[in-house]
C-alpha atoms as a PDB file:
ATOM      1  CA  MET A   1       8.823 -98.826  21.753  1.00  0.00           C
ATOM      2  CA  THR A   2      12.584 -99.718  21.361  1.00  0.00           C
ATOM      3  CA  GLU A   3      15.721 -98.312  22.913  1.00  0.00           C
ATOM      4  CA  PRO A   4      19.158 -98.681  21.333  1.00  0.00           C
ATOM      5  CA  THR A   5      21.880-100.182  23.487  1.00  0.00           C
ATOM      6  CA  PRO A   6      25.633-100.547  22.598  1.00  0.00           C
ATOM      7  CA  ALA A   7      27.107-104.046  22.663  1.00  0.00           C
ATOM      8  CA  PRO A   8      30.750-105.041  22.167  1.00  0.00           C
ATOM      9  CA  ASP A   9      31.978-105.742  18.614  1.00  0.00           C
ATOM     10  CA  VAL A  10      33.656-109.021  17.750  1.00  0.00           C
ATOM     11  CA  ALA A  11      36.964-107.237  17.162  1.00  0.00           C
ATOM     12  CA  GLY A  12      36.911-105.765  20.656  1.00  0.00           C
ATOM     13  CA  GLY A  13      37.199-102.129  19.573  1.00  0.00           C
ATOM     14  CA  GLY A  14      33.808-101.124  18.106  1.00  0.00           C
ATOM     15  CA  SER A  15      30.143-101.541  19.122  1.00  0.00           C
ATOM     16  CA  ARG A  16      26.852-102.396  17.545  1.00  0.00           C
ATOM     17  CA  THR A  17      23.325-101.442  18.506  1.00  0.00           C
ATOM     18  CA  ALA A  18      20.976-103.891  20.114  1.00  0.00           C
ATOM     19  CA  THR A  19      17.224-103.187  20.197  1.00  0.00           C
ATOM     20  CA  VAL A  20      15.401-104.099  23.399  1.00  0.00           C
ATOM     21  CA  THR A  21      11.700-104.247  23.061  1.00  0.00           C
ATOM     22  CA  SER A  22       8.958-103.674  25.634  1.00  0.00           C
ATOM     23  CA  PRO A  23       7.654-106.563  27.827  1.00  0.00           C
ATOM     24  CA  SER A  24       4.797-107.196  25.310  1.00  0.00           C
ATOM     25  CA  ALA A  25       7.251-108.028  22.537  1.00  0.00           C
ATOM     26  CA  ALA A  26       7.699-111.604  21.813  1.00  0.00           C
ATOM     27  CA  HIS A  27      11.430-111.513  21.002  1.00  0.00           C
ATOM     28  CA  VAL A  28      14.609-109.625  21.433  1.00  0.00           C
ATOM     29  CA  GLY A  29      16.128-108.333  18.163  1.00  0.00           C
ATOM     30  CA  THR A  30      19.535-107.146  17.303  1.00  0.00           C
ATOM     31  CA  SER A  31      20.890-105.469  14.220  1.00  0.00           C
ATOM     32  CA  SER A  32      22.499-108.651  13.037  1.00  0.00           C
ATOM     33  CA  GLU A  33      20.631-111.567  14.700  1.00  0.00           C
ATOM     34  CA  SER A  34      17.718-112.570  16.958  1.00  0.00           C
ATOM     35  CA  ARG A  35      18.198-114.731  19.971  1.00  0.00           C
ATOM     36  CA  THR A  36      16.083-115.817  22.924  1.00  0.00           C
ATOM     37  CA  PRO A  37      17.790-115.917  26.288  1.00  0.00           C
ATOM     38  CA  ALA A  38      16.998-118.702  28.635  1.00  0.00           C
ATOM     39  CA  GLY A  39      16.899-118.816  32.433  1.00  0.00           C
ATOM     40  CA  THR A  40      18.774-121.122  34.593  1.00  0.00           C
ATOM     41  CA  ASN A  41      15.971-123.635  34.628  1.00  0.00           C
ATOM     42  CA  GLY A  42      15.786-123.753  30.814  1.00  0.00           C
ATOM     43  CA  HIS A  43      12.365-121.946  30.575  1.00  0.00           C
ATOM     44  CA  HIS A  44      11.806-119.094  28.214  1.00  0.00           C
ATOM     45  CA  VAL A  45      12.219-115.574  29.699  1.00  0.00           C
ATOM     46  CA  ASP A  46      10.175-112.888  27.828  1.00  0.00           C
ATOM     47  CA  GLY A  47      11.428-109.338  27.408  1.00  0.00           C
ATOM     48  CA  ALA A  48      14.779-109.999  28.963  1.00  0.00           C
ATOM     49  CA  GLN A  49      18.432-109.976  27.770  1.00  0.00           C
ATOM     50  CA  ALA A  50      21.269-112.116  29.155  1.00  0.00           C
ATOM     51  CA  ILE A  51      24.152-109.998  30.377  1.00  0.00           C
ATOM     52  CA  ASN A  52      27.293-111.699  31.570  1.00  0.00           C
ATOM     53  CA  GLY A  53      25.320-114.949  31.983  1.00  0.00           C
ATOM     54  CA  HIS A  54      22.469-113.320  34.107  1.00  0.00           C
ATOM     55  CA  ALA A  55      18.993-112.387  32.802  1.00  0.00           C
ATOM     56  CA  ALA A  56      17.971-108.805  32.878  1.00  0.00           C
ATOM     57  CA  PRO A  57      14.360-108.078  34.144  1.00  0.00           C
ATOM     58  CA  ALA A  58      11.729-107.412  31.495  1.00  0.00           C
ATOM     59  CA  GLY A  59      11.248-103.727  30.702  1.00  0.00           C
ATOM     60  CA  ARG A  60      14.661-102.606  32.127  1.00  0.00           C
ATOM     61  CA  PRO A  61      17.258-101.577  29.520  1.00  0.00           C
ATOM     62  CA  ALA A  62      20.450-103.516  29.338  1.00  0.00           C
ATOM     63  CA  HIS A  63      23.698-102.155  30.837  1.00  0.00           C
ATOM     64  CA  PRO A  64      26.196-100.452  28.577  1.00  0.00           C
ATOM     65  CA  ALA A  65      28.843-102.542  27.032  1.00  0.00           C
ATOM     66  CA  SER A  66      31.655-100.567  28.620  1.00  0.00           C
ATOM     67  CA  GLU A  67      30.357-101.665  32.069  1.00  0.00           C
ATOM     68  CA  SER A  68      29.846-105.300  31.204  1.00  0.00           C
ATOM     69  CA  ARG A  69      33.121-106.033  29.298  1.00  0.00           C
ATOM     70  CA  THR A  70      35.467-108.312  31.058  1.00  0.00           C
ATOM     71  CA  ALA A  71      39.143-109.255  30.595  1.00  0.00           C
ATOM     72  CA  ASP A  72      38.094-112.212  28.518  1.00  0.00           C
ATOM     73  CA  ASP A  73      36.149-109.884  26.230  1.00  0.00           C
ATOM     74  CA  VAL A  74      39.161-107.706  25.635  1.00  0.00           C
ATOM     75  CA  GLU A  75      41.370-110.655  25.060  1.00  0.00           C
ATOM     76  CA  ALA A  76      38.870-112.055  22.522  1.00  0.00           C
ATOM     77  CA  GLY A  77      38.695-108.717  20.875  1.00  0.00           C
ATOM     78  CA  ILE A  78      42.457-108.387  20.555  1.00  0.00           C
ATOM     79  CA  ILE A  79      42.646-112.016  19.106  1.00  0.00           C
ATOM     80  CA  ALA A  80      40.061-111.065  16.586  1.00  0.00           C
ATOM     81  CA  LEU A  81      41.867-107.805  15.743  1.00  0.00           C
ATOM     82  CA  TRP A  82      45.154-109.771  15.183  1.00  0.00           C
ATOM     83  CA  HIS A  83      43.298-112.140  12.912  1.00  0.00           C
ATOM     84  CA  THR A  84      41.819-109.245  10.884  1.00  0.00           C
ATOM     85  CA  TYR A  85      45.148-107.492  10.665  1.00  0.00           C
ATOM     86  CA  GLY A  86      46.922-110.617   9.531  1.00  0.00           C
ATOM     87  CA  GLU A  87      44.470-110.904   6.627  1.00  0.00           C
ATOM     88  CA  SER A  88      44.210-107.226   5.528  1.00  0.00           C
ATOM     89  CA  ARG A  89      47.473-105.637   6.803  1.00  0.00           C
ATOM     90  CA  LYS A  90      45.737-102.237   7.028  1.00  0.00           C
ATOM     91  CA  GLN A  91      47.526 -99.482   8.731  1.00  0.00           C
ATOM     92  CA  GLY A  92      44.581 -98.526  10.794  1.00  0.00           C
ATOM     93  CA  LEU A  93      44.422-101.909  12.397  1.00  0.00           C
ATOM     94  CA  ARG A  94      48.131-101.771  13.030  1.00  0.00           C
ATOM     95  CA  ASP A  95      47.760 -98.460  14.719  1.00  0.00           C
ATOM     96  CA  ARG A  96      45.099 -99.846  17.065  1.00  0.00           C
ATOM     97  CA  LEU A  97      47.484-102.641  18.035  1.00  0.00           C
ATOM     98  CA  VAL A  98      50.201-100.017  18.665  1.00  0.00           C
ATOM     99  CA  LEU A  99      47.937 -98.096  21.074  1.00  0.00           C
ATOM    100  CA  HIS A 100      47.042-101.250  22.895  1.00  0.00           C
ATOM    101  CA  TYR A 101      50.621-102.316  23.484  1.00  0.00           C
ATOM    102  CA  ALA A 102      52.081 -98.927  23.987  1.00  0.00           C
ATOM    103  CA  PRO A 103      52.528 -99.440  27.825  1.00  0.00           C
ATOM    104  CA  LEU A 104      55.073-102.117  26.980  1.00  0.00           C
ATOM    105  CA  VAL A 105      57.235 -99.433  25.430  1.00  0.00           C
ATOM    106  CA  LYS A 106      57.194 -97.286  28.628  1.00  0.00           C
ATOM    107  CA  TYR A 107      57.913-100.246  30.804  1.00  0.00           C
ATOM    108  CA  VAL A 108      60.987-101.360  28.757  1.00  0.00           C
ATOM    109  CA  ALA A 109      62.256 -97.785  28.349  1.00  0.00           C
ATOM    110  CA  GLY A 110      62.142 -97.282  32.141  1.00  0.00           C
ATOM    111  CA  ARG A 111      64.083-100.506  32.740  1.00  0.00           C
ATOM    112  CA  VAL A 112      66.762 -99.642  30.140  1.00  0.00           C
ATOM    113  CA  GLY A 113      67.074 -96.020  31.383  1.00  0.00           C
ATOM    114  CA  THR A 114      67.797 -97.150  34.971  1.00  0.00           C
ATOM    115  CA  GLY A 115      71.534 -97.570  34.373  1.00  0.00           C
ATOM    116  CA  LEU A 116      72.032 -94.729  31.895  1.00  0.00           C
ATOM    117  CA  PRO A 117      73.557 -91.221  32.740  1.00  0.00           C
ATOM    118  CA  ALA A 118      71.312 -88.518  33.866  1.00  0.00           C
ATOM    119  CA  HIS A 119      71.465 -86.491  30.538  1.00  0.00           C
ATOM    120  CA  VAL A 120      69.654 -89.340  28.644  1.00  0.00           C
ATOM    121  CA  ASP A 121      65.999 -88.519  28.394  1.00  0.00           C
ATOM    122  CA  VAL A 122      63.559 -91.287  28.775  1.00  0.00           C
ATOM    123  CA  ALA A 123      61.308 -89.663  26.258  1.00  0.00           C
ATOM    124  CA  ASP A 124      63.932 -90.282  23.582  1.00  0.00           C
ATOM    125  CA  LEU A 125      64.056 -93.975  24.672  1.00  0.00           C
ATOM    126  CA  ILE A 126      60.290 -94.254  24.350  1.00  0.00           C
ATOM    127  CA  GLN A 127      60.392 -92.720  20.884  1.00  0.00           C
ATOM    128  CA  SER A 128      62.957 -95.389  19.787  1.00  0.00           C
ATOM    129  CA  GLY A 129      60.876 -98.101  21.469  1.00  0.00           C
ATOM    130  CA  ILE A 130      57.802 -97.158  19.436  1.00  0.00           C
ATOM    131  CA  PHE A 131      59.723 -98.031  16.265  1.00  0.00           C
ATOM    132  CA  GLY A 132      60.558-101.393  17.738  1.00  0.00           C
ATOM    133  CA  LEU A 133      56.928-102.028  18.712  1.00  0.00           C
ATOM    134  CA  VAL A 134      55.732-101.250  15.176  1.00  0.00           C
ATOM    135  CA  ASP A 135      58.345-103.572  13.729  1.00  0.00           C
ATOM    136  CA  ALA A 136      57.325-106.326  16.129  1.00  0.00           C
ATOM    137  CA  ILE A 137      53.702-105.988  15.115  1.00  0.00           C
ATOM    138  CA  GLU A 138      54.478-106.087  11.478  1.00  0.00           C
ATOM    139  CA  LYS A 139      56.703-109.205  11.870  1.00  0.00           C
ATOM    140  CA  PHE A 140      54.684-111.096  14.446  1.00  0.00           C
ATOM    141  CA  GLU A 141      53.020-114.308  13.340  1.00  0.00           C
ATOM    142  CA  PRO A 142      50.080-115.215  15.694  1.00  0.00           C
ATOM    143  CA  GLU A 143      49.613-118.598  14.149  1.00  0.00           C
ATOM    144  CA  ARG A 144      52.877-119.758  15.844  1.00  0.00           C
ATOM    145  CA  GLY A 145      51.129-119.676  19.211  1.00  0.00           C
ATOM    146  CA  LEU A 146      53.732-117.420  20.860  1.00  0.00           C
ATOM    147  CA  LYS A 147      52.941-114.741  23.406  1.00  0.00           C
ATOM    148  CA  PHE A 148      53.279-111.350  21.641  1.00  0.00           C
ATOM    149  CA  GLU A 149      54.357-109.389  24.826  1.00  0.00           C
ATOM    150  CA  THR A 150      57.460-111.610  25.257  1.00  0.00           C
ATOM    151  CA  TYR A 151      58.405-111.205  21.607  1.00  0.00           C
ATOM    152  CA  ALA A 152      57.651-107.487  21.569  1.00  0.00           C
ATOM    153  CA  MET A 153      59.751-106.583  24.646  1.00  0.00           C
ATOM    154  CA  GLN A 154      62.885-108.023  23.039  1.00  0.00           C
ATOM    155  CA  ARG A 155      62.256-106.039  19.810  1.00  0.00           C
ATOM    156  CA  ILE A 156      61.528-102.874  21.743  1.00  0.00           C
ATOM    157  CA  ARG A 157      64.710-103.227  23.920  1.00  0.00           C
ATOM    158  CA  GLY A 158      66.767-103.978  20.843  1.00  0.00           C
ATOM    159  CA  ALA A 159      65.611-100.833  18.997  1.00  0.00           C
ATOM    160  CA  ILE A 160      66.430 -98.680  22.088  1.00  0.00           C
ATOM    161  CA  LEU A 161      69.843-100.148  22.391  1.00  0.00           C
ATOM    162  CA  ASP A 162      70.482 -99.709  18.688  1.00  0.00           C
ATOM    163  CA  ASP A 163      69.564 -96.057  18.918  1.00  0.00           C
ATOM    164  CA  LEU A 164      71.764 -95.527  22.007  1.00  0.00           C
ATOM    165  CA  ARG A 165      74.686 -97.171  20.243  1.00  0.00           C
ATOM    166  CA  SER A 166      74.240 -94.993  17.143  1.00  0.00           C
ATOM    167  CA  GLN A 167      74.625 -91.921  19.364  1.00  0.00           C
ATOM    168  CA  ASP A 168      77.709 -93.178  21.195  1.00  0.00           C
ATOM    169  CA  TRP A 169      81.018 -91.780  19.857  1.00  0.00           C
ATOM    170  CA  VAL A 170      83.068 -94.559  21.631  1.00  0.00           C
ATOM    171  CA  PRO A 171      83.506 -97.779  19.634  1.00  0.00           C
ATOM    172  CA  ARG A 172      81.860-100.850  21.038  1.00  0.00           C
ATOM    173  CA  SER A 173      85.211-102.622  21.291  1.00  0.00           C
ATOM    174  CA  VAL A 174      86.517 -99.952  23.700  1.00  0.00           C
ATOM    175  CA  ARG A 175      83.299-100.195  25.781  1.00  0.00           C
ATOM    176  CA  SER A 176      83.909-103.958  25.947  1.00  0.00           C
ATOM    177  CA  ARG A 177      87.497-103.486  27.054  1.00  0.00           C
ATOM    178  CA  ALA A 178      86.426-100.985  29.660  1.00  0.00           C
ATOM    179  CA  ARG A 179      83.985-103.481  31.146  1.00  0.00           C
ATOM    180  CA  ASP A 180      86.834-106.082  31.248  1.00  0.00           C
ATOM    181  CA  VAL A 181      89.145-103.719  33.127  1.00  0.00           C
ATOM    182  CA  GLU A 182      86.412-102.890  35.667  1.00  0.00           C
ATOM    183  CA  ARG A 183      85.681-106.550  36.285  1.00  0.00           C
ATOM    184  CA  ALA A 184      89.378-107.334  36.716  1.00  0.00           C
ATOM    185  CA  LEU A 185      89.720-104.425  39.203  1.00  0.00           C
ATOM    186  CA  GLU A 186      86.777-105.789  41.221  1.00  0.00           C
ATOM    187  CA  ARG A 187      88.283-109.339  41.344  1.00  0.00           C
ATOM    188  CA  LEU A 188      91.636-108.133  42.293  1.00  0.00           C
ATOM    189  CA  GLY A 189      90.391-105.732  44.863  1.00  0.00           C
ATOM    190  CA  ALA A 190      88.333-108.416  46.534  1.00  0.00           C
ATOM    191  CA  SER A 191      91.168-110.899  46.641  1.00  0.00           C
ATOM    192  CA  LEU A 192      94.037-108.531  47.547  1.00  0.00           C
ATOM    193  CA  GLN A 193      91.960-106.249  49.872  1.00  0.00           C
ATOM    194  CA  ARG A 194      93.703-103.230  48.352  1.00  0.00           C
ATOM    195  CA  THR A 195      93.937-101.365  45.074  1.00  0.00           C
ATOM    196  CA  PRO A 196      95.973-103.488  42.597  1.00  0.00           C
ATOM    197  CA  THR A 197      99.004-102.125  40.799  1.00  0.00           C
ATOM    198  CA  ASP A 198      99.220-101.800  36.974  1.00  0.00           C
ATOM    199  CA  ARG A 199     101.497-104.831  36.762  1.00  0.00           C
ATOM    200  CA  GLU A 200      98.977-107.020  38.713  1.00  0.00           C
ATOM    201  CA  LEU A 201      96.120-105.716  36.639  1.00  0.00           C
ATOM    202  CA  ALA A 202      98.084-106.380  33.366  1.00  0.00           C
ATOM    203  CA  ALA A 203      98.703-109.929  34.609  1.00  0.00           C
ATOM    204  CA  GLU A 204      95.104-110.453  35.462  1.00  0.00           C
ATOM    205  CA  LEU A 205      94.121-109.314  31.919  1.00  0.00           C
ATOM    206  CA  LYS A 206      96.901-111.426  30.367  1.00  0.00           C
ATOM    207  CA  ILE A 207      98.425-108.397  28.523  1.00  0.00           C
ATOM    208  CA  GLY A 208     101.626-106.524  28.745  1.00  0.00           C
ATOM    209  CA  LEU A 209     102.240-103.423  30.851  1.00  0.00           C
ATOM    210  CA  GLY A 210     102.771-101.260  27.729  1.00  0.00           C
ATOM    211  CA  GLU A 211      99.443-102.606  26.243  1.00  0.00           C
ATOM    212  CA  LEU A 212      97.691-101.754  29.442  1.00  0.00           C
ATOM    213  CA  ARG A 213      98.898 -98.179  29.181  1.00  0.00           C
ATOM    214  CA  GLU A 214      97.675 -97.931  25.606  1.00  0.00           C
ATOM    215  CA  LEU A 215      94.361 -99.370  26.879  1.00  0.00           C
ATOM    216  CA  TYR A 216      94.209 -96.534  29.565  1.00  0.00           C
ATOM    217  CA  ALA A 217      94.640 -94.002  26.758  1.00  0.00           C
ATOM    218  CA  GLN A 218      91.713 -95.465  24.858  1.00  0.00           C
ATOM    219  CA  LEU A 219      89.602 -95.635  27.898  1.00  0.00           C
ATOM    220  CA  GLN A 220      89.923 -91.931  28.490  1.00  0.00           C
ATOM    221  CA  LEU A 221      87.199 -91.521  25.774  1.00  0.00           C
ATOM    222  CA  THR A 222      84.784 -93.187  28.029  1.00  0.00           C
ATOM    223  CA  SER A 223      85.346 -90.846  30.917  1.00  0.00           C
ATOM    224  CA  VAL A 224      83.465 -87.853  29.447  1.00  0.00           C
ATOM    225  CA  VAL A 225      81.229 -86.012  31.975  1.00  0.00           C
ATOM    226  CA  ALA A 226      78.132 -84.103  30.711  1.00  0.00           C
ATOM    227  CA  LEU A 227      78.330 -80.458  31.723  1.00  0.00           C
ATOM    228  CA  ASP A 228      74.639 -80.362  32.824  1.00  0.00           C
ATOM    229  CA  GLU A 229      75.032 -83.049  35.419  1.00  0.00           C
ATOM    230  CA  LEU A 230      74.891 -82.009  39.052  1.00  0.00           C
ATOM    231  CA  ILE A 231      78.145 -82.124  41.008  1.00  0.00           C
ATOM    232  CA  ALA A 232      78.191 -84.474  43.970  1.00  0.00           C
ATOM    233  CA  ALA A 233      78.548 -81.730  46.515  1.00  0.00           C
ATOM    234  CA  GLY A 234      75.223 -80.186  45.369  1.00  0.00           C
ATOM    235  CA  ARG A 235      73.440 -83.525  45.645  1.00  0.00           C
ATOM    236  CA  SER A 236      74.851 -84.402  49.078  1.00  0.00           C
ATOM    237  CA  THR A 237      73.777 -81.100  50.801  1.00  0.00           C
ATOM    238  CA  GLY A 238      70.215 -81.585  49.635  1.00  0.00           C
ATOM    239  CA  GLY A 239      70.164 -78.009  48.272  1.00  0.00           C
ATOM    240  CA  PRO A 240      69.163 -76.957  44.772  1.00  0.00           C
ATOM    241  CA  GLY A 241      72.726 -77.743  43.561  1.00  0.00           C
ATOM    242  CA  SER A 242      74.810 -76.119  40.890  1.00  0.00           C
ATOM    243  CA  SER A 243      75.731 -77.393  37.479  1.00  0.00           C
ATOM    244  CA  LEU A 244      79.246 -78.638  36.820  1.00  0.00           C
ATOM    245  CA  ALA A 245      79.670 -75.811  34.240  1.00  0.00           C
ATOM    246  CA  GLU A 246      79.334 -73.205  36.940  1.00  0.00           C
ATOM    247  CA  SER A 247      82.128 -74.817  38.982  1.00  0.00           C
ATOM    248  CA  LEU A 248      84.700 -74.578  36.111  1.00  0.00           C
ATOM    249  CA  PRO A 249      87.035 -71.570  36.017  1.00  0.00           C
ATOM    250  CA  ASP A 250      86.791 -69.160  33.066  1.00  0.00           C
ATOM    251  CA  GLU A 251      90.319 -68.488  31.935  1.00  0.00           C
ATOM    252  CA  GLY A 252      89.204 -65.577  29.792  1.00  0.00           C
ATOM    253  CA  ALA A 253      87.277 -63.795  32.467  1.00  0.00           C
ATOM    254  CA  GLU A 254      88.659 -60.538  33.850  1.00  0.00           C
ATOM    255  CA  ASP A 255      90.062 -60.628  37.359  1.00  0.00           C
ATOM    256  CA  PRO A 256      87.950 -58.216  39.498  1.00  0.00           C
ATOM    257  CA  ILE A 257      90.933 -57.419  41.782  1.00  0.00           C
ATOM    258  CA  ALA A 258      93.180 -56.600  38.881  1.00  0.00           C
ATOM    259  CA  SER A 259      90.472 -54.453  37.331  1.00  0.00           C
ATOM    260  CA  LEU A 260      90.049 -52.563  40.576  1.00  0.00           C
ATOM    261  CA  VAL A 261      93.893 -51.945  40.895  1.00  0.00           C
ATOM    262  CA  ASP A 262      94.031 -50.704  37.275  1.00  0.00           C
ATOM    263  CA  GLN A 263      91.182 -48.306  37.815  1.00  0.00           C
ATOM    264  CA  ASP A 264      92.962 -46.923  40.965  1.00  0.00           C
ATOM    265  CA  SER A 265      96.279 -46.614  39.080  1.00  0.00           C
ATOM    266  CA  ARG A 266      94.522 -44.701  36.235  1.00  0.00           C
ATOM    267  CA  ARG A 267      93.046 -42.361  38.819  1.00  0.00           C
ATOM    268  CA  GLN A 268      96.334 -41.704  40.425  1.00  0.00           C
ATOM    269  CA  LEU A 269      97.993 -41.085  37.109  1.00  0.00           C
ATOM    270  CA  ALA A 270      95.298 -38.630  36.090  1.00  0.00           C
ATOM    271  CA  ASP A 271      95.776 -36.716  39.327  1.00  0.00           C
ATOM    272  CA  ALA A 272      99.513 -36.589  38.807  1.00  0.00           C
ATOM    273  CA  ILE A 273      99.195 -35.336  35.161  1.00  0.00           C
ATOM    274  CA  ALA A 274      96.779 -32.583  36.259  1.00  0.00           C
ATOM    275  CA  GLN A 275      99.530 -31.319  38.741  1.00  0.00           C
ATOM    276  CA  LEU A 276     102.158 -30.954  35.955  1.00  0.00           C
ATOM    277  CA  ALA A 277     103.072 -27.604  34.359  1.00  0.00           C
ATOM    278  CA  GLU A 278     101.009 -26.640  31.362  1.00  0.00           C
ATOM    279  CA  ARG A 279     103.733 -27.391  28.723  1.00  0.00           C
ATOM    280  CA  ASP A 280     104.694 -30.697  30.326  1.00  0.00           C
ATOM    281  CA  ARG A 281     100.932 -31.716  30.483  1.00  0.00           C
ATOM    282  CA  VAL A 282     100.565 -30.821  26.724  1.00  0.00           C
ATOM    283  CA  VAL A 283     103.553 -32.932  25.764  1.00  0.00           C
ATOM    284  CA  VAL A 284     102.363 -35.992  27.707  1.00  0.00           C
ATOM    285  CA  THR A 285      98.830 -35.543  26.326  1.00  0.00           C
ATOM    286  CA  LEU A 286      99.912 -35.180  22.675  1.00  0.00           C
ATOM    287  CA  TYR A 287     102.424 -38.081  22.869  1.00  0.00           C
ATOM    288  CA  TYR A 288     100.526 -40.697  24.748  1.00  0.00           C
ATOM    289  CA  PHE A 289      96.844 -39.852  24.011  1.00  0.00           C
ATOM    290  CA  GLU A 290      97.075 -38.299  20.578  1.00  0.00           C
ATOM    291  CA  ASN A 291      99.868 -40.535  19.365  1.00  0.00           C
ATOM    292  CA  LEU A 292     101.871 -37.558  17.780  1.00  0.00           C
ATOM    293  CA  THR A 293     105.585 -37.862  17.158  1.00  0.00           C
ATOM    294  CA  LEU A 294     108.164 -35.680  18.911  1.00  0.00           C
ATOM    295  CA  ALA A 295     108.693 -33.724  15.615  1.00  0.00           C
ATOM    296  CA  GLU A 296     104.930 -33.146  15.257  1.00  0.00           C
ATOM    297  CA  ILE A 297     104.673 -31.984  18.903  1.00  0.00           C
ATOM    298  CA  GLY A 298     107.583 -29.555  18.207  1.00  0.00           C
ATOM    299  CA  LYS A 299     105.680 -27.990  15.393  1.00  0.00           C
ATOM    300  CA  VAL A 300     102.612 -27.536  17.584  1.00  0.00           C
ATOM    301  CA  LEU A 301     104.587 -25.934  20.426  1.00  0.00           C
ATOM    302  CA  GLY A 302     106.996 -24.015  18.069  1.00  0.00           C
ATOM    303  CA  VAL A 303     110.138 -25.626  19.451  1.00  0.00           C
ATOM    304  CA  THR A 304     112.700 -28.048  18.181  1.00  0.00           C
ATOM    305  CA  GLU A 305     112.401 -31.902  18.523  1.00  0.00           C
ATOM    306  CA  SER A 306     115.279 -32.066  20.968  1.00  0.00           C
ATOM    307  CA  ARG A 307     113.492 -29.567  23.243  1.00  0.00           C
ATOM    308  CA  VAL A 308     110.345 -31.611  23.079  1.00  0.00           C
ATOM    309  CA  CYS A 309     112.374 -34.624  24.089  1.00  0.00           C
ATOM    310  CA  GLN A 310     113.704 -32.773  27.089  1.00  0.00           C
ATOM    311  CA  LEU A 311     110.173 -31.747  28.090  1.00  0.00           C
ATOM    312  CA  HIS A 312     108.966 -35.318  27.771  1.00  0.00           C
ATOM    313  CA  THR A 313     111.851 -36.671  29.997  1.00  0.00           C
ATOM    314  CA  ARG A 314     111.125 -33.977  32.624  1.00  0.00           C
ATOM    315  CA  ALA A 315     107.389 -34.732  32.574  1.00  0.00           C
ATOM    316  CA  VAL A 316     107.941 -38.477  33.044  1.00  0.00           C
ATOM    317  CA  LEU A 317     110.361 -38.017  35.895  1.00  0.00           C
ATOM    318  CA  ARG A 318     107.895 -35.733  37.643  1.00  0.00           C
ATOM    319  CA  LEU A 319     105.050 -38.191  37.135  1.00  0.00           C
ATOM    320  CA  ARG A 320     107.156 -41.025  38.550  1.00  0.00           C
ATOM    321  CA  THR A 321     108.074 -38.893  41.553  1.00  0.00           C
ATOM    322  CA  LYS A 322     104.446 -38.038  42.343  1.00  0.00           C
ATOM    323  CA  LEU A 323     103.215 -41.613  41.939  1.00  0.00           C
ATOM    324  CA  ASN A 324     105.896 -42.947  44.355  1.00  0.00           C
ATOM    325  CA  GLU A 325     104.821 -40.272  46.847  1.00  0.00           C
ATOM    326  CA  GLN A 326     101.163 -41.451  46.550  1.00  0.00           C
ATOM    327  CA  LEU A 327     102.229 -45.042  47.027  1.00  0.00           C
ATOM    328  CA  GLU A 328     104.262 -44.242  50.161  1.00  0.00           C
ATOM    329  CA  ALA A 329     101.532 -42.184  51.593  1.00  0.00           C
END
């Protein structure tokens, strides 16, 4: 009677089946080879299999390979996988290497993202770093005897930085000048124990005062703030905080006080018009709400245009008097 037991493959990623026989069997057979384990005293051990250098008792099945694999086994498997990939260059083998070294990408992306603004997503950095890892695997030469992790971390970091630079609208030269100005301000502030003047800063940078002001104009491009960042007040209070966009005034928004005053004025005007004589009320309605001319209103009322003008003037004076009385009251 036999029982299949998985054993680690030489490449470190697969498994093979070992057949363990009963105690009456004379040997231990595998799918690829037969071997006879020996005890520590050199004598033959029947019906046993050596696991991690120790003999398993006869009649007891061997432990699964996942429980007996050590760090040395994994390292040997990766070395064998590198060797196989170097000979065949198959995409499936490369993908297995990518999965094995994927934690490097997350580590490097976390280090790079520490000094970046809050609106930069770490997931985007990881995506860029994966391309760097794939490029490192394809160009790595194991026969040189170098450590892959050291080589890959540089390529991953370079891929992330290249992607960040491609998204930056500010030229690299301006970024470099901005760092020079910041370092000069730090040096002068430490030596003078105060904020340096523009003339002192220009002397420290060895440029003219006019050139320094032109540099200030260029550095304004680097002072862009993302609207979705939290304002400092929201952070300091420990509350939920509000976005910077919510704190900016809307110049096109309607003033609620002005709207309330306008509604009250319309109400007072409507009350004053309702108190006018019928003919005066008709003249005001047709002229201001129906947009008729004085001649057209004269035809409607059956009077001359000059009479309509007199009625309009009288109605306006009465309205003004009534509105002033309401304001004084």
